[in-house]
Amino acid sequence: MIRTLTVLASVLRGDASACERERFAGVEALVARPRRGLGPVVVYANAMTPLGVEQPAVGRFLAGLADAGFVAIAPELPHVRRGG
């Protein structure tokens, strides 16, 4: 419960600029790392949106996870921006 509240609080004040674009196995992704750079990994698959991982809420969510000690990755899934 405390970990969940920490993530939620971090998301509300999170800074999406803490995220970086990276490429994994040929797939573009938005990545946020905790300050120490290490932690459990969370992969967030964004639902259909024309902005894909550029949706501001995605960056805030990843930054919040990183503030809570996770390495957070949101891959730019094929066809998400087109709604399919």
PDB file of N, CA and C in Angstrom:
ATOM      1  N   MET A   1       0.811  -1.185   0.000  1.00  0.00           N
ATOM      2  CA  MET A   1       0.000   0.000   0.000  1.00  0.00           C
ATOM      3  C   MET A   1       0.861   1.258   0.000  1.00  0.00           C
ATOM      4  N   ILE A   2       1.904   1.272   0.817  1.00  0.00           N
ATOM      5  CA  ILE A   2       2.781   2.441   0.878  1.00  0.00           C
ATOM      6  C   ILE A   2       3.472   2.647  -0.460  1.00  0.00           C
ATOM      7  N   ARG A   3       3.938   1.567  -1.078  1.00  0.00           N
ATOM      8  CA  ARG A   3       4.601   1.672  -2.381  1.00  0.00           C
ATOM      9  C   ARG A   3       3.630   2.250  -3.416  1.00  0.00           C
ATOM     10  N   THR A   4       2.372   1.799  -3.391  1.00  0.00           N
ATOM     11  CA  THR A   4       1.362   2.297  -4.320  1.00  0.00           C
ATOM     12  C   THR A   4       1.126   3.791  -4.110  1.00  0.00           C
ATOM     13  N   LEU A   5       1.011   4.216  -2.875  1.00  0.00           N
ATOM     14  CA  LEU A   5       0.804   5.630  -2.585  1.00  0.00           C
ATOM     15  C   LEU A   5       2.006   6.466  -3.012  1.00  0.00           C
ATOM     16  N   THR A   6       3.210   5.915  -2.846  1.00  0.00           N
ATOM     17  CA  THR A   6       4.419   6.615  -3.272  1.00  0.00           C
ATOM     18  C   THR A   6       4.401   6.838  -4.775  1.00  0.00           C
ATOM     19  N   VAL A   7       4.034   5.797  -5.538  1.00  0.00           N
ATOM     20  CA  VAL A   7       3.970   5.924  -6.994  1.00  0.00           C
ATOM     21  C   VAL A   7       2.918   6.950  -7.383  1.00  0.00           C
ATOM     22  N   LEU A   8       1.731   6.882  -6.781  1.00  0.00           N
ATOM     23  CA  LEU A   8       0.664   7.826  -7.116  1.00  0.00           C
ATOM     24  C   LEU A   8       1.069   9.261  -6.800  1.00  0.00           C
ATOM     25  N   ALA A   9       1.676   9.484  -5.658  1.00  0.00           N
ATOM     26  CA  ALA A   9       2.117  10.832  -5.297  1.00  0.00           C
ATOM     27  C   ALA A   9       3.181  11.325  -6.260  1.00  0.00           C
ATOM     28  N   SER A  10       4.082  10.449  -6.654  1.00  0.00           N
ATOM     29  CA  SER A  10       5.140  10.821  -7.587  1.00  0.00           C
ATOM     30  C   SER A  10       4.575  11.153  -8.958  1.00  0.00           C
ATOM     31  N   VAL A  11       3.552  10.412  -9.380  1.00  0.00           N
ATOM     32  CA  VAL A  11       2.936  10.672 -10.682  1.00  0.00           C
ATOM     33  C   VAL A  11       2.303  12.051 -10.692  1.00  0.00           C
ATOM     34  N   LEU A  12       1.659  12.416  -9.611  1.00  0.00           N
ATOM     35  CA  LEU A  12       0.978  13.709  -9.556  1.00  0.00           C
ATOM     36  C   LEU A  12       1.953  14.877  -9.638  1.00  0.00           C
ATOM     37  N   ARG A  13       3.148  14.702  -9.116  1.00  0.00           N
ATOM     38  CA  ARG A  13       4.128  15.777  -9.181  1.00  0.00           C
ATOM     39  C   ARG A  13       5.280  15.438 -10.126  1.00  0.00           C
ATOM     40  N   GLY A  14       5.171  14.301 -10.828  1.00  0.00           N
ATOM     41  CA  GLY A  14       6.246  13.806 -11.681  1.00  0.00           C
ATOM     42  C   GLY A  14       6.633  14.759 -12.794  1.00  0.00           C
ATOM     43  N   ASP A  15       7.846  14.631 -13.230  1.00  0.00           N
ATOM     44  CA  ASP A  15       8.389  15.473 -14.282  1.00  0.00           C
ATOM     45  C   ASP A  15       8.699  14.589 -15.485  1.00  0.00           C
ATOM     46  N   ALA A  16       7.907  14.707 -16.530  1.00  0.00           N
ATOM     47  CA  ALA A  16       8.083  13.866 -17.714  1.00  0.00           C
ATOM     48  C   ALA A  16       9.437  14.095 -18.379  1.00  0.00           C
ATOM     49  N   SER A  17      10.087  15.224 -18.081  1.00  0.00           N
ATOM     50  CA  SER A  17      11.396  15.471 -18.679  1.00  0.00           C
ATOM     51  C   SER A  17      12.439  14.494 -18.148  1.00  0.00           C
ATOM     52  N   ALA A  18      12.126  13.767 -17.076  1.00  0.00           N
ATOM     53  CA  ALA A  18      13.041  12.769 -16.534  1.00  0.00           C
ATOM     54  C   ALA A  18      13.105  11.536 -17.433  1.00  0.00           C
ATOM     55  N   CYS A  19      12.225  11.458 -18.421  1.00  0.00           N
ATOM     56  CA  CYS A  19      12.179  10.313 -19.332  1.00  0.00           C
ATOM     57  C   CYS A  19      13.072  10.566 -20.547  1.00  0.00           C
ATOM     58  N   GLU A  20      13.600   9.478 -21.081  1.00  0.00           N
ATOM     59  CA  GLU A  20      14.436   9.564 -22.273  1.00  0.00           C
ATOM     60  C   GLU A  20      13.920   8.596 -23.324  1.00  0.00           C
ATOM     61  N   ARG A  21      14.130   8.929 -24.583  1.00  0.00           N
ATOM     62  CA  ARG A  21      13.785   8.020 -25.684  1.00  0.00           C
ATOM     63  C   ARG A  21      14.965   7.076 -25.889  1.00  0.00           C
ATOM     64  N   GLU A  22      14.682   5.785 -25.965  1.00  0.00           N
ATOM     65  CA  GLU A  22      15.716   4.785 -26.234  1.00  0.00           C
ATOM     66  C   GLU A  22      15.157   3.750 -27.186  1.00  0.00           C
ATOM     67  N   ARG A  23      16.037   2.918 -27.703  1.00  0.00           N
ATOM     68  CA  ARG A  23      15.635   1.878 -28.642  1.00  0.00           C
ATOM     69  C   ARG A  23      16.043   0.529 -28.066  1.00  0.00           C
ATOM     70  N   PHE A  24      15.088  -0.395 -27.985  1.00  0.00           N
ATOM     71  CA  PHE A  24      15.331  -1.749 -27.491  1.00  0.00           C
ATOM     72  C   PHE A  24      14.871  -2.731 -28.556  1.00  0.00           C
ATOM     73  N   ALA A  25      15.770  -3.579 -29.025  1.00  0.00           N
ATOM     74  CA  ALA A  25      15.436  -4.603 -30.026  1.00  0.00           C
ATOM     75  C   ALA A  25      14.676  -4.001 -31.200  1.00  0.00           C
ATOM     76  N   GLY A  26      15.083  -2.805 -31.615  1.00  0.00           N
ATOM     77  CA  GLY A  26      14.465  -2.157 -32.754  1.00  0.00           C
ATOM     78  C   GLY A  26      13.171  -1.424 -32.459  1.00  0.00           C
ATOM     79  N   VAL A  27      12.770  -1.345 -31.197  1.00  0.00           N
ATOM     80  CA  VAL A  27      11.519  -0.685 -30.823  1.00  0.00           C
ATOM     81  C   VAL A  27      11.843   0.581 -30.033  1.00  0.00           C
ATOM     82  N   GLU A  28      11.285   1.719 -30.463  1.00  0.00           N
ATOM     83  CA  GLU A  28      11.430   2.969 -29.720  1.00  0.00           C
ATOM     84  C   GLU A  28      10.670   2.858 -28.404  1.00  0.00           C
ATOM     85  N   ALA A  29      11.233   3.441 -27.363  1.00  0.00           N
ATOM     86  CA  ALA A  29      10.574   3.392 -26.053  1.00  0.00           C
ATOM     87  C   ALA A  29      10.904   4.648 -25.262  1.00  0.00           C
ATOM     88  N   LEU A  30      10.027   4.970 -24.344  1.00  0.00           N
ATOM     89  CA  LEU A  30      10.253   6.034 -23.384  1.00  0.00           C
ATOM     90  C   LEU A  30      10.699   5.349 -22.095  1.00  0.00           C
ATOM     91  N   VAL A  31      11.795   5.827 -21.492  1.00  0.00           N
ATOM     92  CA  VAL A  31      12.382   5.162 -20.332  1.00  0.00           C
ATOM     93  C   VAL A  31      12.642   6.182 -19.222  1.00  0.00           C
ATOM     94  N   ALA A  32      12.331   5.773 -18.006  1.00  0.00           N
ATOM     95  CA  ALA A  32      12.662   6.579 -16.820  1.00  0.00           C
ATOM     96  C   ALA A  32      13.368   5.662 -15.835  1.00  0.00           C
ATOM     97  N   ARG A  33      14.478   6.152 -15.298  1.00  0.00           N
ATOM     98  CA  ARG A  33      15.268   5.353 -14.353  1.00  0.00           C
ATOM     99  C   ARG A  33      15.305   6.033 -12.985  1.00  0.00           C
ATOM    100  N   PRO A  34      15.391   5.223 -11.939  1.00  0.00           N
ATOM    101  CA  PRO A  34      15.561   5.828 -10.608  1.00  0.00           C
ATOM    102  C   PRO A  34      16.924   6.507 -10.517  1.00  0.00           C
ATOM    103  N   ARG A  35      17.086   7.357  -9.548  1.00  0.00           N
ATOM    104  CA  ARG A  35      18.337   8.117  -9.419  1.00  0.00           C
ATOM    105  C   ARG A  35      19.572   7.220  -9.387  1.00  0.00           C
ATOM    106  N   ARG A  36      19.449   6.064  -8.758  1.00  0.00           N
ATOM    107  CA  ARG A  36      20.596   5.150  -8.693  1.00  0.00           C
ATOM    108  C   ARG A  36      20.748   4.324  -9.962  1.00  0.00           C
ATOM    109  N   GLY A  37      19.766   4.384 -10.866  1.00  0.00           N
ATOM    110  CA  GLY A  37      19.866   3.700 -12.145  1.00  0.00           C
ATOM    111  C   GLY A  37      19.490   2.234 -12.119  1.00  0.00           C
ATOM    112  N   LEU A  38      19.314   1.659 -10.932  1.00  0.00           N
ATOM    113  CA  LEU A  38      18.973   0.247 -10.821  1.00  0.00           C
ATOM    114  C   LEU A  38      17.647   0.087 -10.095  1.00  0.00           C
ATOM    115  N   GLY A  39      16.951  -0.978 -10.418  1.00  0.00           N
ATOM    116  CA  GLY A  39      15.690  -1.269  -9.744  1.00  0.00           C
ATOM    117  C   GLY A  39      14.907  -2.281 -10.552  1.00  0.00           C
ATOM    118  N   PRO A  40      13.819  -2.777  -9.996  1.00  0.00           N
ATOM    119  CA  PRO A  40      12.974  -3.694 -10.754  1.00  0.00           C
ATOM    120  C   PRO A  40      12.420  -2.969 -11.980  1.00  0.00           C
ATOM    121  N   VAL A  41      12.190  -3.712 -13.039  1.00  0.00           N
ATOM    122  CA  VAL A  41      11.715  -3.126 -14.295  1.00  0.00           C
ATOM    123  C   VAL A  41      10.206  -3.291 -14.413  1.00  0.00           C
ATOM    124  N   VAL A  42       9.540  -2.198 -14.816  1.00  0.00           N
ATOM    125  CA  VAL A  42       8.106  -2.224 -15.121  1.00  0.00           C
ATOM    126  C   VAL A  42       7.965  -1.824 -16.579  1.00  0.00           C
ATOM    127  N   VAL A  43       7.289  -2.655 -17.365  1.00  0.00           N
ATOM    128  CA  VAL A  43       7.002  -2.322 -18.760  1.00  0.00           C
ATOM    129  C   VAL A  43       5.539  -1.929 -18.834  1.00  0.00           C
ATOM    130  N   TYR A  44       5.277  -0.720 -19.302  1.00  0.00           N
ATOM    131  CA  TYR A  44       3.919  -0.197 -19.407  1.00  0.00           C
ATOM    132  C   TYR A  44       3.518  -0.183 -20.876  1.00  0.00           C
ATOM    133  N   ALA A  45       2.480  -0.939 -21.205  1.00  0.00           N
ATOM    134  CA  ALA A  45       1.964  -0.971 -22.582  1.00  0.00           C
ATOM    135  C   ALA A  45       0.822   0.029 -22.664  1.00  0.00           C
ATOM    136  N   ASN A  46       1.074   1.143 -23.331  1.00  0.00           N
ATOM    137  CA  ASN A  46       0.098   2.215 -23.455  1.00  0.00           C
ATOM    138  C   ASN A  46      -1.067   1.786 -24.344  1.00  0.00           C
ATOM    139  N   ALA A  47      -2.269   2.149 -23.951  1.00  0.00           N
ATOM    140  CA  ALA A  47      -3.456   1.849 -24.761  1.00  0.00           C
ATOM    141  C   ALA A  47      -3.496   2.780 -25.977  1.00  0.00           C
ATOM    142  N   MET A  48      -4.475   2.585 -26.819  1.00  0.00           N
ATOM    143  CA  MET A  48      -4.575   3.361 -28.055  1.00  0.00           C
ATOM    144  C   MET A  48      -4.724   4.849 -27.772  1.00  0.00           C
ATOM    145  N   THR A  49      -3.838   5.614 -28.362  1.00  0.00           N
ATOM    146  CA  THR A  49      -3.892   7.069 -28.280  1.00  0.00           C
ATOM    147  C   THR A  49      -3.111   7.633 -29.459  1.00  0.00           C
ATOM    148  N   PRO A  50      -3.598   8.695 -30.064  1.00  0.00           N
ATOM    149  CA  PRO A  50      -2.875   9.274 -31.207  1.00  0.00           C
ATOM    150  C   PRO A  50      -1.466   9.753 -30.853  1.00  0.00           C
ATOM    151  N   LEU A  51      -1.208  10.014 -29.580  1.00  0.00           N
ATOM    152  CA  LEU A  51       0.108  10.498 -29.165  1.00  0.00           C
ATOM    153  C   LEU A  51       1.069   9.378 -28.780  1.00  0.00           C
ATOM    154  N   GLY A  52       0.590   8.152 -28.667  1.00  0.00           N
ATOM    155  CA  GLY A  52       1.459   7.040 -28.266  1.00  0.00           C
ATOM    156  C   GLY A  52       2.155   7.342 -26.952  1.00  0.00           C
ATOM    157  N   VAL A  53       3.451   7.060 -26.883  1.00  0.00           N
ATOM    158  CA  VAL A  53       4.188   7.311 -25.637  1.00  0.00           C
ATOM    159  C   VAL A  53       4.461   8.791 -25.412  1.00  0.00           C
ATOM    160  N   GLU A  54       4.130   9.634 -26.390  1.00  0.00           N
ATOM    161  CA  GLU A  54       4.282  11.078 -26.216  1.00  0.00           C
ATOM    162  C   GLU A  54       3.122  11.671 -25.420  1.00  0.00           C
ATOM    163  N   GLN A  55       2.125  10.858 -25.086  1.00  0.00           N
ATOM    164  CA  GLN A  55       1.018  11.300 -24.242  1.00  0.00           C
ATOM    165  C   GLN A  55       1.615  11.789 -22.926  1.00  0.00           C
ATOM    166  N   PRO A  56       1.386  13.039 -22.518  1.00  0.00           N
ATOM    167  CA  PRO A  56       2.027  13.565 -21.304  1.00  0.00           C
ATOM    168  C   PRO A  56       1.822  12.709 -20.056  1.00  0.00           C
ATOM    169  N   ALA A  57       0.667  12.105 -19.915  1.00  0.00           N
ATOM    170  CA  ALA A  57       0.399  11.275 -18.731  1.00  0.00           C
ATOM    171  C   ALA A  57       1.323  10.063 -18.677  1.00  0.00           C
ATOM    172  N   VAL A  58       1.748   9.562 -19.824  1.00  0.00           N
ATOM    173  CA  VAL A  58       2.652   8.406 -19.851  1.00  0.00           C
ATOM    174  C   VAL A  58       3.998   8.801 -19.245  1.00  0.00           C
ATOM    175  N   GLY A  59       4.527   9.937 -19.654  1.00  0.00           N
ATOM    176  CA  GLY A  59       5.797  10.409 -19.092  1.00  0.00           C
ATOM    177  C   GLY A  59       5.716  10.649 -17.605  1.00  0.00           C
ATOM    178  N   ARG A  60       4.614  11.255 -17.149  1.00  0.00           N
ATOM    179  CA  ARG A  60       4.448  11.485 -15.708  1.00  0.00           C
ATOM    180  C   ARG A  60       4.365  10.168 -14.951  1.00  0.00           C
ATOM    181  N   PHE A  61       3.655   9.188 -15.519  1.00  0.00           N
ATOM    182  CA  PHE A  61       3.529   7.876 -14.885  1.00  0.00           C
ATOM    183  C   PHE A  61       4.890   7.197 -14.771  1.00  0.00           C
ATOM    184  N   LEU A  62       5.662   7.209 -15.859  1.00  0.00           N
ATOM    185  CA  LEU A  62       6.995   6.591 -15.834  1.00  0.00           C
ATOM    186  C   LEU A  62       7.910   7.310 -14.844  1.00  0.00           C
ATOM    187  N   ALA A  63       7.856   8.636 -14.833  1.00  0.00           N
ATOM    188  CA  ALA A  63       8.686   9.403 -13.895  1.00  0.00           C
ATOM    189  C   ALA A  63       8.301   9.074 -12.456  1.00  0.00           C
ATOM    190  N   GLY A  64       7.014   8.896 -12.201  1.00  0.00           N
ATOM    191  CA  GLY A  64       6.562   8.526 -10.860  1.00  0.00           C
ATOM    192  C   GLY A  64       7.065   7.163 -10.449  1.00  0.00           C
ATOM    193  N   LEU A  65       7.043   6.219 -11.387  1.00  0.00           N
ATOM    194  CA  LEU A  65       7.581   4.887 -11.103  1.00  0.00           C
ATOM    195  C   LEU A  65       9.075   4.964 -10.810  1.00  0.00           C
ATOM    196  N   ALA A  66       9.803   5.780 -11.587  1.00  0.00           N
ATOM    197  CA  ALA A  66      11.244   5.934 -11.357  1.00  0.00           C
ATOM    198  C   ALA A  66      11.509   6.560  -9.988  1.00  0.00           C
ATOM    199  N   ASP A  67      10.704   7.553  -9.608  1.00  0.00           N
ATOM    200  CA  ASP A  67      10.853   8.168  -8.280  1.00  0.00           C
ATOM    201  C   ASP A  67      10.637   7.144  -7.171  1.00  0.00           C
ATOM    202  N   ALA A  68       9.813   6.129  -7.447  1.00  0.00           N
ATOM    203  CA  ALA A  68       9.529   5.083  -6.456  1.00  0.00           C
ATOM    204  C   ALA A  68      10.558   3.945  -6.515  1.00  0.00           C
ATOM    205  N   GLY A  69      11.577   4.065  -7.396  1.00  0.00           N
ATOM    206  CA  GLY A  69      12.651   3.086  -7.429  1.00  0.00           C
ATOM    207  C   GLY A  69      12.597   2.060  -8.542  1.00  0.00           C
ATOM    208  N   PHE A  70      11.702   2.255  -9.509  1.00  0.00           N
ATOM    209  CA  PHE A  70      11.587   1.308 -10.628  1.00  0.00           C
ATOM    210  C   PHE A  70      12.256   1.860 -11.879  1.00  0.00           C
ATOM    211  N   VAL A  71      12.732   0.959 -12.741  1.00  0.00           N
ATOM    212  CA  VAL A  71      13.096   1.319 -14.104  1.00  0.00           C
ATOM    213  C   VAL A  71      11.810   1.136 -14.896  1.00  0.00           C
ATOM    214  N   ALA A  72      11.296   2.210 -15.480  1.00  0.00           N
ATOM    215  CA  ALA A  72      10.000   2.171 -16.163  1.00  0.00           C
ATOM    216  C   ALA A  72      10.186   2.349 -17.663  1.00  0.00           C
ATOM    217  N   ILE A  73       9.602   1.442 -18.436  1.00  0.00           N
ATOM    218  CA  ILE A  73       9.743   1.459 -19.893  1.00  0.00           C
ATOM    219  C   ILE A  73       8.362   1.411 -20.531  1.00  0.00           C
ATOM    220  N   ALA A  74       8.135   2.306 -21.500  1.00  0.00           N
ATOM    221  CA  ALA A  74       6.897   2.289 -22.282  1.00  0.00           C
ATOM    222  C   ALA A  74       7.287   2.185 -23.753  1.00  0.00           C
ATOM    223  N   PRO A  75       7.188   0.989 -24.336  1.00  0.00           N
ATOM    224  CA  PRO A  75       7.541   0.847 -25.751  1.00  0.00           C
ATOM    225  C   PRO A  75       6.485   1.500 -26.636  1.00  0.00           C
ATOM    226  N   GLU A  76       6.919   2.021 -27.780  1.00  0.00           N
ATOM    227  CA  GLU A  76       6.001   2.571 -28.773  1.00  0.00           C
ATOM    228  C   GLU A  76       5.499   1.386 -29.596  1.00  0.00           C
ATOM    229  N   LEU A  77       4.381   0.847 -29.172  1.00  0.00           N
ATOM    230  CA  LEU A  77       3.845  -0.363 -29.806  1.00  0.00           C
ATOM    231  C   LEU A  77       3.345  -0.063 -31.213  1.00  0.00           C
ATOM    232  N   PRO A  78       3.509  -1.017 -32.129  1.00  0.00           N
ATOM    233  CA  PRO A  78       3.059  -0.817 -33.513  1.00  0.00           C
ATOM    234  C   PRO A  78       1.564  -0.535 -33.569  1.00  0.00           C
ATOM    235  N   HIS A  79       1.191   0.396 -34.393  1.00  0.00           N
ATOM    236  CA  HIS A  79      -0.205   0.712 -34.711  1.00  0.00           C
ATOM    237  C   HIS A  79      -0.977   1.391 -33.585  1.00  0.00           C
ATOM    238  N   VAL A  80      -0.381   1.653 -32.434  1.00  0.00           N
ATOM    239  CA  VAL A  80      -1.100   2.273 -31.325  1.00  0.00           C
ATOM    240  C   VAL A  80      -1.583   3.664 -31.711  1.00  0.00           C
ATOM    241  N   ARG A  81      -0.735   4.421 -32.375  1.00  0.00           N
ATOM    242  CA  ARG A  81      -1.110   5.782 -32.754  1.00  0.00           C
ATOM    243  C   ARG A  81      -2.230   5.805 -33.783  1.00  0.00           C
ATOM    244  N   ARG A  82      -2.391   4.729 -34.519  1.00  0.00           N
ATOM    245  CA  ARG A  82      -3.458   4.646 -35.534  1.00  0.00           C
ATOM    246  C   ARG A  82      -4.725   4.013 -34.975  1.00  0.00           C
ATOM    247  N   GLY A  83      -4.703   3.605 -33.714  1.00  0.00           N
ATOM    248  CA  GLY A  83      -5.902   3.039 -33.093  1.00  0.00           C
ATOM    249  C   GLY A  83      -6.111   1.570 -33.365  1.00  0.00           C
ATOM    250  N   GLY A  84      -5.061   0.846 -33.691  1.00  0.00           N
ATOM    251  CA  GLY A  84      -5.251  -0.575 -33.970  1.00  0.00           C
ATOM    252  C   GLY A  84      -4.249  -1.446 -33.456  1.00  0.00           C
TER     253      GLY A  84
END
